[in-house]
Every structure is written in C-alpha cells, then in structure tokens.
Amino acid sequence: MNDISSRASLQAWLLHWSSHKTNDLAMVQPHVNKSVCELTWGEVASQALTLAAYFEQLKLPKESAIAIYANNSAYWIIADMAIGLAGHISVPIYAAAKPSLCQYIIEHSEVKLVLHDDIGRACAVKDVLASNDAVIWSQLPSAQISETKDWSAIQGGFEPLASPVLPAADSLYTVAYTSGSTGIPKGVMHCMSSPLVVAEGLNQAFPLSPSDRLISYLPLAHLAERGCVEAAAIRFGLTVYFSAGLDNFVEDMVRARPTLFFSIPRLWTKFYKQAIELQTCSKGASDRETLAVMGLDQVRCAMSGSASLPAAIIHWFQTLGVEILECYGMSENFGYSHGSRIGEVRVGYVGPPSPGVECRLAENDEIMVKSPSTMLGYYKDEAGTTLALTADGFLKTGDRGEIDTQLRLKLTGRTKDLFKTSKGKYVAPLPIEMALCNDMIIDNVCVVGETFPQPVALIQLTESALASVLRDETVTINRLQEVLEAVNETLEHHEILAKCIVIAEPWTIENDCLTVTLKIKRSIIECRYQDLLSSWYSNSSVVVLHRA
C-alpha cells in the first residue's frame, strides 16, 4: 500500500486509523427497524476500498464525477472516501433536491455514476434524465434498509483495492453545488486540503479527543456538515453516530450523547421548546436531567450556523451550562470563516476569524474573507470565479457586516437584499427579520416593500402558534401587534414596518420557498405574493391573516 505519511487527504487519514485503531468504533448506523450497525475503523476502510475496486472495474475516465444522492449514513461517508481512493471526484446532491435540480447538477458536472439510497427518488430523477443513458446508477444502504442487492454484490464480489489513490493536497476533492437561494446553483470546487483545514481549525479552537462523539443528521451534501462532522471525525479518529430520521431523532441523540454538536437555529428552537415543556411537566427536573432527555448532557462544544439564533434561546441554554457558539461560513470557503469562542460569546455576533482566516470590510460594508480553505473556483464558470475573488485572494461574500474591537463579526444583511422604498430610502431586511424572529411564536420572516412607502413583514408562525391563530385570532394577533411595536421602536423611521402579514401557507422546500438548507428564497416569496401585497398594505389592520 502507498505511503500515507504525508496524510494530505481524508483518504490518507482513513487508512491511517484503519491501521492504528483497527478495532475501535468509528461509526454507528441505526435503522428504522431499531437495529444498529457498528463499524470499526478497519471495517470502514475495508468497505471503502472494496467500493473503490468496484469503481475501478467500471473503467470510468480518470477523475470522473460520481454523485452521492442520498440521506446521511455511514455509507455516505464510505462512498465519499471510496470515490477519492479510486481517483475520482465526489459530487453531493441533497436528498431533498427536486428532480429538475438533480438533472441540472448531473448534466452540468458530467456525472458518470450516481450512488443513491432510494429507488423511488432515483426513478423520478431517471425519468427526467430519460435521454441520458450514459449515467450508471447504484444503490447504497440507508437508514431504511441495512443491505441492498447492489451493496451486497459489491462488498461480496470484489477484493479491497490493493493500490488506492492517495490524493495530493491540491488535487480536486469535490464539486459541491450551492443551495440556489440567489439563482442557479454554482458548482464550488474544493481541493483535498479544504476539509482538513476545517478539522484542524476546530481542533485549535476546541482541542479534540479520541473519546469525542459526533452525530450526523444535517445534510452531508452541505459542506458545513462535511467539515464539522466527516472531516473532524476522520482527521482525529472520532466516533460518528447517525440518525435514522426525524421520527427517531431523539432516540438517536440519546444513543450518541454527542460531545461536539453542530446544529441550526430551527433545531435549537425545537430543543428549547421541548425542554421548557419537560420542565413544566416535571417541576423537579434538574438542568442535567433536562439536557439528558434530549441527549445533550455530554455536550462540551455546541455550535449553530446557517442563520441567526434568537438571543433568548442562547441565554436560556447558557443557564443550563450549554454555551452555543454561533459561526459563519460559506460553501466557497468550506464553511470555514468565523466562529465564537467559549467564554467570549457576544450575542448577535458570529465570533472572530477562525485560525488562519483574514477578514476585512469593503466600502459598502461587504464582508471579504481570505481563508486557507477558499475554493479553487466555480466549475465551468471562470467569469463567476473572477467576480467572486479579489486579486489578492479575498472572497467577496455578498454579505454585509460590522466588526467590533475584538474582531467579532456581526452580519447585517446581503448586499443584494437591500431594497428601496417608494420614498427612495434603502432598507436592509435581515436585521429586521432577525429582530422579529427573536419572538418564540415566529418561525420565519421575509421583509419586503420595494414599491411601498414603508416595508412590511411576511411572517410564518410556529405550528402551535398558527394552530392557535386559526382557532382564535385575538390572542396571537395581539401578541404580534406587541412584537411589531417593540421592533419598530428600534428601527430608523424609514425602516418602520407598516404591518405584518401572517402567511398560513407553509414555506417549504417542496413549494420552492426554502432552499434545501432551509433558507428563504426571497425573490420567490416576493413574487409568490406580489399580487396580494397592495390589498394587504391598504388593509386597515396592522396584523393581517392570509389563510390561503
């Protein structure tokens, strides 16, 4: 086997641990039938090398694009490692992606092989790609099924690849497509060193231990999960637990009892509500018991990203001894940009630059970041790459921000999200949306108003609050009026919200209002309600309920 002393890739580190921690637990994969599969480092490496041998016999062109169109599982990571060991390039596709998006990614990146975990979902995409018979399809196991004919045939029919490729640090690792919140998804190219930068940076900020445990449930197709979970685990030999799905999530969390936990505001909010309900029902429950019910009692490093977390939730978890560290990054830098530090959290800020990262603000307050994990560029888009990067290597993030005296960064909106009211005044919607979302009955907000004297807020309530307002509008509407008044007191005159509209119709990935990473698609939402905005604006009520 090739020398792995340089360990310039995750593949090299996987082979290192397979030799040094052969029988130690690497991954724990639960299934919906309650069975659990435990894989050692030796087994993970052996399965990855066997899958790589299957890729080799397909005689694919060198550095072919191989897509992983699947939910998170141990087999997702095994497939990602196998692709590199065979000298190919991984192209992740969100399991929730629509067939049309899959078609775009498969065709744009010239995918030769698709690894999937769901026959029904794969068939829907194959129907869209009916004219393309050059793509090979093969099924991975998943949380739904522990074995497939394809997987059994591969693992039983091939010997582990004897001479795997050990990629150089600067060779292409992956082409990861953005969520498309601002238009057509872009294929972000990253080299082998990028995920290692993220893992090393985490270790500098929070020294990692071989006994640390992670749980993977956010899409591995998103680079933040690949960096914080896959890369950290493989670089430092940590154990990764997986979830069998939302219905089993609490059970999976309690099984894992992660010591490092990366999540998003929506889930932290659900944890908060669950804990409040538990403490209400069991008045004698201690803080540790409350955390244990959610599987959070062993967490020593808790992180949140993708959007701002309401201050009330951060403060509440602090009272339980869990300090949530907000962080910031983009696909273009593998999610490695800024992160809060334990004991140095400033609520509303995403912390100082991560180790090795430089940050500056342009004249229009656009955040410019130079990271050691900056992308190689956009696939098949030299013009876009040139626009995204400065001559001295800084990424133009498109986000606006401000920096305090301790170099902690606060996000204040997207440069492209600024809109001008009919009075000619510019409004930045994000800070207003964040202020409204601090109230626990509000789930999501989109502030609009380009053709009106004052902006308005389109609001999605939480499930319980929406059910309440549909039964009896009075209490919830009064609460929203109070929230609106409180937020308006903090705004400049031209930013004051004229009213808020409660949208009963949910915003989802399926109706194209949310990206696969659960960010609002601002332009889609504005267009969706454009014909109704005038009548809402002229309504005499400050809070308007749109039942759809």
Foldseek 3Di string as FASTA:
>chain_A
DDDLVVVLFLLSLLVVCCVVFVPDWAEWFAAPVGDIDTDTSVRLNFLLLLVLVVVVVVVDPAQAEEEEQEFDGSVSLSPLSSCVQNRYAYEYDYVPDDLVLVVCSCVQRVHQEYEYADPVRVVNNCVVVVVDPRYHYAYDHASHGPDDPRSCCSSVPGGGNPRTDDDHNAAWHYFQWDLQLPHRTFTFIFGRNQLVLLLVLVCVQPNDDQAFEEEDGQGPSQLLSCNVPVSNCSNHVHHYYYANDDVCQQVSLLVGLGQAYEEEQVVLLVLVVQLVVVCVVVVPDALLNSCNSSSPNNHPAAEYEDAAHQPVSQVVVVVSVYHYKYAADDVQSSRAFAIDHVPGDDHQWRHATTPQKDWDADPVQFIWIAHPGGTPATPPCPPRRPVQADPVRIGRPQWGWDADPRRTIHTQAGVVQWAAACVRDTDGCRVLQSLLVSDSQWDGWAWDHRDHQEIEIETETDPVLLVVCVVPVPPSLVVVVVSLVVSQVVDDPRHRHQAYEYEQDDQDVVVVQAGSSGDGSRVVVCVVCVVPVVVVSPDPDRYHYDND
